[in-house]
Amino acid sequence: MADFDILSLRAGATAAIAAADLDLKTDLAQETARRWHARKLSLRSPLDPTLPERPGRPAKPELVPPKATEKRSLHTLPGRIAMLHALAHIELNAVDLALDIVARFAAEPVPHSFFDGWMQVAFEEAKHFRLVRDRLRVLGADYGDMPAHDGLWQAAHSTRFDLTARLAVVPLILEARGLDVTPSLQEKMRETGDIASADVLKIIYDDEKGHVAIGAKWFRFLCARERRDPAKTFQALVRSHFRGTLKAPFNDIARAEAGLTPSFYRALSSISHA
């Protein structure tokens, strides 16, 4: 990867999004992040490739509607494999979502530290995907063995023209949901004796708090610049762009530590968007 010709941050992020080989995708994401953080890349170039409509993916897994994915007990090996497979799919989408916010909004008038934060997120999401995939392989499975749903990328697609909306939906709803559910998943994994999987979940949880904090920081920055109330703006954008339900219980402490206070989301928790 050291010989890969990355012309700019936007070019490296775009190439990683487009890559269908998942080893190449995660390598490119991390190498682009390293070079950007070392200030060896420009932000963008006239020679940058066009951002693809969809991220590159291997032939499997088959993508199905969310309701068609099967839920199984974590107290069985097939159930733990199914949960880890779903998590791998989430982490893979998170790699592309972090890269997309960099490549898609590279011309936005924001400080360079905005891109520092999101390339750190991309680097860590690539790490997460590899950790979960390695765990699947130890358990005799692999990513692609089961169907998965496409809801995460659809959420990104609906906010592709609005950076503030993207920040509201991806880090402040989708990633914040991980703060709510991951601690109980960790505990259940430990109860089954699968300590190695629980340890992977802890790494992901600890990093995700930082990802939500980056989202909250820049959401508040954009609201302040436009003199908009952050909580009211968040609620309006969620109602416009998020298809789904905000489900309690919420991990209020972890969310607040990341800058996402209950004033943002409590008013939305009973609202379903058909």
Foldseek 3Di string as FASTA:
>chain_A
DVPDDQAALLQLLQVLQADAPLVVNLVSLQVSLVCVVVVVHHLDDPPRDDRDPGGHHPPFDAADAPVPQDADDPLDLVNVLSVLLQVLVVLSLQLSLLSLLSNLCSVPPDDPVLNNLSSVSNNVSSVLNVLSQVVSVVSPHGHRPYYYHDQSVLLCSLCSPPSLLSLLPPLVQVLQVLLAPLVVVLVSCVVSVNNSVSVSSVSSNVVSLSVSLSSLVVNVVVCVVVVHDSQVVSVVSCQVRPQAAQADDGPQVSNVVSVNHCSNPVVRRVDHHD
